[in-house]
């Protein structure tokens, strides 16, 4: 149960996004742009960064939901996500991605932890200025999302099996916020029958 009464019986950030539409729409648009918008990094690579930062922040909901999305994009049954957790150096990702994940990890600690050496290493591995920019922004944004989710103590799904469905929806539909009419309908369904909403795949996550 969240610290505040949202009247939206959905897990994680979903309840918060639908609780306050102006901020929910802005946060959804940002997430969609960061993870599905134009970038030379694939959506799978960007979801891997989001998953990694969320893991470092100990945000269970964001880590598992974005891990599930990364798994869908990468099609590797979670191997990359698990290996990144265990040891970035031996993870089955490119040297460029390893260097970008290290930068993301430094951003998670503090923006000032990123040094010229980290940037130079990423460039030697083939990262462009835009890819370094996108990595830092994704890492910074997910520190915010993680603190938003945990700072209001949002609920977790009833079962970890639900994350797999979330991952499929996020990988295919992204994070776009519902139009006002759809939002009104979704809120009604949420309050009357939360499970029906999940069956229809209308939730943001």
Protein backbone atom coordinates (compact mmCIF):
# COMPACT_ATOMS: atom_id res chain seq x y z
CA UNK A 1 0.00 0.00 0.00
CA UNK A 2 1.38 3.40 -0.97
CA UNK A 3 2.06 6.08 1.61
CA UNK A 4 -0.59 8.20 -0.12
CA UNK A 5 -4.08 7.21 -1.24
CA UNK A 6 -4.01 7.13 -5.06
CA UNK A 7 -7.22 5.12 -5.48
CA UNK A 8 -5.38 3.32 -8.28
CA UNK A 9 -4.89 -0.35 -7.29
CA UNK A 10 -1.91 -0.97 -9.56
CA UNK A 11 1.69 -1.84 -8.67
CA UNK A 12 4.74 0.39 -8.83
CA UNK A 13 4.85 3.62 -10.79
CA UNK A 14 1.55 2.86 -12.57
CA UNK A 15 -0.49 4.00 -9.58
CA UNK A 16 1.47 7.26 -9.41
CA UNK A 17 1.30 8.05 -13.13
CA UNK A 18 -2.47 7.72 -13.19
CA UNK A 19 -2.87 9.48 -9.83
CA UNK A 20 -1.72 12.84 -11.20
CA UNK A 21 -2.10 13.20 -14.95
CA UNK A 22 0.08 16.30 -15.59
CA UNK A 23 3.18 14.76 -13.99
CA UNK A 24 2.24 11.26 -15.15
CA UNK A 25 2.07 12.39 -18.76
CA UNK A 26 5.42 14.21 -18.52
CA UNK A 27 7.16 11.27 -16.87
CA UNK A 28 5.70 8.80 -19.38
CA UNK A 29 6.77 10.95 -22.31
CA UNK A 30 10.28 11.23 -20.90
CA UNK A 31 10.55 7.45 -20.39
CA UNK A 32 9.25 6.76 -23.90
CA UNK A 33 11.69 9.25 -25.43
CA UNK A 34 14.64 7.89 -23.45
CA UNK A 35 13.96 4.22 -24.14
CA UNK A 36 12.12 4.20 -27.47
CA UNK A 37 13.02 7.52 -29.07
CA UNK A 38 15.76 8.22 -31.61
CA UNK A 39 19.16 6.93 -30.51
CA UNK A 40 21.99 4.87 -31.95
CA UNK A 41 21.66 2.71 -28.85
CA UNK A 42 19.00 0.05 -29.29
CA UNK A 43 15.97 -0.02 -27.00
CA UNK A 44 17.35 -3.25 -25.55
CA UNK A 45 20.63 -1.56 -24.66
CA UNK A 46 18.82 1.39 -23.13
CA UNK A 47 16.53 -0.87 -21.10
CA UNK A 48 19.66 -2.68 -19.89
CA UNK A 49 21.02 0.64 -18.59
CA UNK A 50 17.69 1.40 -16.88
CA UNK A 51 17.63 -2.07 -15.33
CA UNK A 52 21.24 -1.77 -14.12
CA UNK A 53 20.73 1.62 -12.47
CA UNK A 54 17.49 0.43 -10.84
CA UNK A 55 19.33 -2.61 -9.47
CA UNK A 56 22.07 -0.40 -8.02
CA UNK A 57 19.36 1.75 -6.41
CA UNK A 58 17.73 -1.38 -4.96
CA UNK A 59 14.42 -0.44 -6.61
CA UNK A 60 12.81 -3.85 -7.05
CA UNK A 61 9.85 -2.80 -9.18
CA UNK A 62 11.86 -0.76 -11.68
CA UNK A 63 14.69 -3.28 -11.83
CA UNK A 64 12.44 -6.26 -12.54
CA UNK A 65 10.11 -4.46 -14.95
CA UNK A 66 12.93 -2.98 -17.02
CA UNK A 67 14.88 -6.23 -16.86
CA UNK A 68 11.82 -7.93 -18.35
CA UNK A 69 11.67 -5.30 -21.10
CA UNK A 70 15.40 -5.71 -21.80
CA UNK A 71 14.94 -9.47 -21.97
CA UNK A 72 12.19 -9.07 -24.56
CA UNK A 73 14.30 -6.77 -26.72
CA UNK A 74 17.48 -8.83 -26.42
CA UNK A 75 15.79 -12.23 -26.67
CA UNK A 76 18.38 -13.89 -24.44
CA UNK A 77 16.19 -15.16 -21.58
CA UNK A 78 17.71 -12.68 -19.17
CA UNK A 79 21.34 -13.70 -19.65
CA UNK A 80 22.68 -10.18 -20.27
CA UNK A 81 20.81 -8.70 -17.29
CA UNK A 82 22.02 -11.40 -14.91
CA UNK A 83 25.60 -11.27 -16.15
CA UNK A 84 25.71 -7.48 -15.81
CA UNK A 85 24.60 -7.89 -12.19
CA UNK A 86 27.30 -10.47 -11.52
CA UNK A 87 30.21 -8.87 -13.37
CA UNK A 88 30.08 -6.25 -16.11
CA UNK A 89 33.57 -7.26 -17.27
CA UNK A 90 32.42 -10.74 -18.31
CA UNK A 91 28.87 -9.88 -19.41
CA UNK A 92 27.87 -10.93 -22.97
CA UNK A 93 27.65 -7.36 -24.25
CA UNK A 94 29.98 -5.27 -26.38
CA UNK A 95 32.96 -3.43 -24.92
CA UNK A 96 31.12 -0.22 -25.76
CA UNK A 97 28.12 -1.29 -23.66
CA UNK A 98 30.39 -2.33 -20.79
CA UNK A 99 31.96 1.12 -20.75
CA UNK A 100 28.54 2.81 -20.91
CA UNK A 101 27.20 0.64 -18.09
CA UNK A 102 30.21 1.65 -15.99
CA UNK A 103 29.39 5.31 -16.67
CA UNK A 104 25.75 4.67 -15.70
CA UNK A 105 26.95 3.09 -12.46
CA UNK A 106 29.02 6.17 -11.67
CA UNK A 107 26.05 8.45 -12.36
CA UNK A 108 24.01 6.33 -9.92
CA UNK A 109 26.57 7.19 -7.23
CA UNK A 110 26.87 10.85 -8.19
CA UNK A 111 27.24 12.76 -11.42
CA UNK A 112 30.60 13.96 -10.16
CA UNK A 113 31.86 10.37 -10.06
CA UNK A 114 32.03 10.36 -13.85
CA UNK A 115 35.57 11.31 -14.89
CA UNK A 116 37.31 12.13 -18.14
CA UNK A 117 38.90 8.68 -17.94
CA UNK A 118 35.46 7.04 -18.06
CA UNK A 119 34.49 9.13 -21.08
CA UNK A 120 37.77 8.43 -22.87
CA UNK A 121 37.40 4.68 -22.23
CA UNK A 122 33.89 4.72 -23.69
CA UNK A 123 35.07 6.58 -26.78
CA UNK A 124 37.95 4.16 -27.28
CA UNK A 125 35.37 1.36 -27.18
CA UNK A 126 33.40 3.07 -29.94
CA UNK A 127 30.81 5.13 -28.03
CA UNK A 128 29.74 8.39 -29.66
CA UNK A 129 29.08 11.65 -27.84
CA UNK A 130 25.34 11.08 -28.32
CA UNK A 131 25.51 7.59 -26.80
CA UNK A 132 27.41 8.91 -23.79
CA UNK A 133 24.84 11.70 -23.46
CA UNK A 134 21.93 9.24 -23.66
CA UNK A 135 23.53 6.92 -21.11
CA UNK A 136 24.05 9.68 -18.56
CA UNK A 137 20.52 11.00 -19.06
CA UNK A 138 18.92 7.55 -18.74
CA UNK A 139 20.93 6.84 -15.60
CA UNK A 140 20.04 10.20 -14.05
CA UNK A 141 16.37 9.87 -14.97
CA UNK A 142 16.09 6.40 -13.51
CA UNK A 143 17.56 7.53 -10.24
CA UNK A 144 14.58 9.91 -10.16
CA UNK A 145 12.06 7.23 -11.18
CA UNK A 146 13.48 4.82 -8.59
CA UNK A 147 13.22 7.35 -5.79
CA UNK A 148 9.72 8.32 -6.89
CA UNK A 149 8.55 4.68 -6.79
CA UNK A 150 10.22 3.82 -3.48
CA UNK A 151 9.79 7.22 -1.83
CA UNK A 152 6.01 6.73 -1.90
CA UNK A 153 6.29 3.01 -1.12
CA UNK A 154 4.37 1.74 -4.11
CA UNK A 155 3.13 -1.83 -4.07
CA UNK A 156 4.80 -4.72 -5.87
CA UNK A 157 2.91 -7.11 -8.18
CA UNK A 158 1.30 -10.09 -6.50
CA UNK A 159 3.63 -12.40 -8.39
CA UNK A 160 6.98 -11.98 -10.14
CA UNK A 161 5.39 -13.72 -13.13
CA UNK A 162 3.59 -10.44 -13.87
CA UNK A 163 6.88 -8.79 -14.81
CA UNK A 164 7.19 -10.93 -17.92
CA UNK A 165 3.91 -9.56 -19.27
CA UNK A 166 5.01 -6.05 -18.34
CA UNK A 167 8.21 -6.56 -20.28
CA UNK A 168 6.30 -7.65 -23.38
CA UNK A 169 4.01 -4.61 -23.23
CA UNK A 170 6.89 -2.19 -22.65
CA UNK A 171 8.97 -3.67 -25.46
CA UNK A 172 6.12 -3.48 -27.98
CA UNK A 173 4.04 -0.48 -26.87
CA UNK A 174 6.53 1.66 -25.01
CA UNK A 175 5.59 4.22 -22.39
CA UNK A 176 3.15 6.58 -24.10
CA UNK A 177 0.53 8.07 -21.81
CA UNK A 178 -3.13 7.41 -22.53
CA UNK A 179 -5.28 10.18 -24.09
CA UNK A 180 -7.74 11.84 -21.69
CA UNK A 181 -10.76 9.76 -22.74
CA UNK A 182 -8.82 6.50 -22.51
CA UNK A 183 -7.36 7.64 -19.19
CA UNK A 184 -10.87 8.16 -17.79
CA UNK A 185 -11.85 4.65 -18.95
CA UNK A 186 -8.67 3.12 -17.55
CA UNK A 187 -9.24 4.75 -14.15
CA UNK A 188 -12.78 3.34 -14.03
CA UNK A 189 -11.56 -0.14 -14.89
CA UNK A 190 -8.74 0.14 -12.36
CA UNK A 191 -11.07 1.03 -9.53
CA UNK A 192 -13.69 -1.58 -10.40
CA UNK A 193 -11.56 -4.48 -11.57
CA UNK A 194 -7.74 -4.11 -11.55
CA UNK A 195 -7.19 -7.61 -12.97
CA UNK A 196 -9.40 -6.85 -15.97
CA UNK A 197 -7.12 -3.93 -16.84
CA UNK A 198 -4.05 -6.16 -16.77
CA UNK A 199 -5.78 -8.74 -18.97
CA UNK A 200 -6.49 -6.06 -21.56
CA UNK A 201 -2.88 -4.87 -21.44
CA UNK A 202 -3.88 -1.25 -20.81
CA UNK A 203 -1.53 -0.52 -17.93
CA UNK A 204 1.63 1.54 -18.50
CA UNK A 205 3.68 -1.30 -17.04
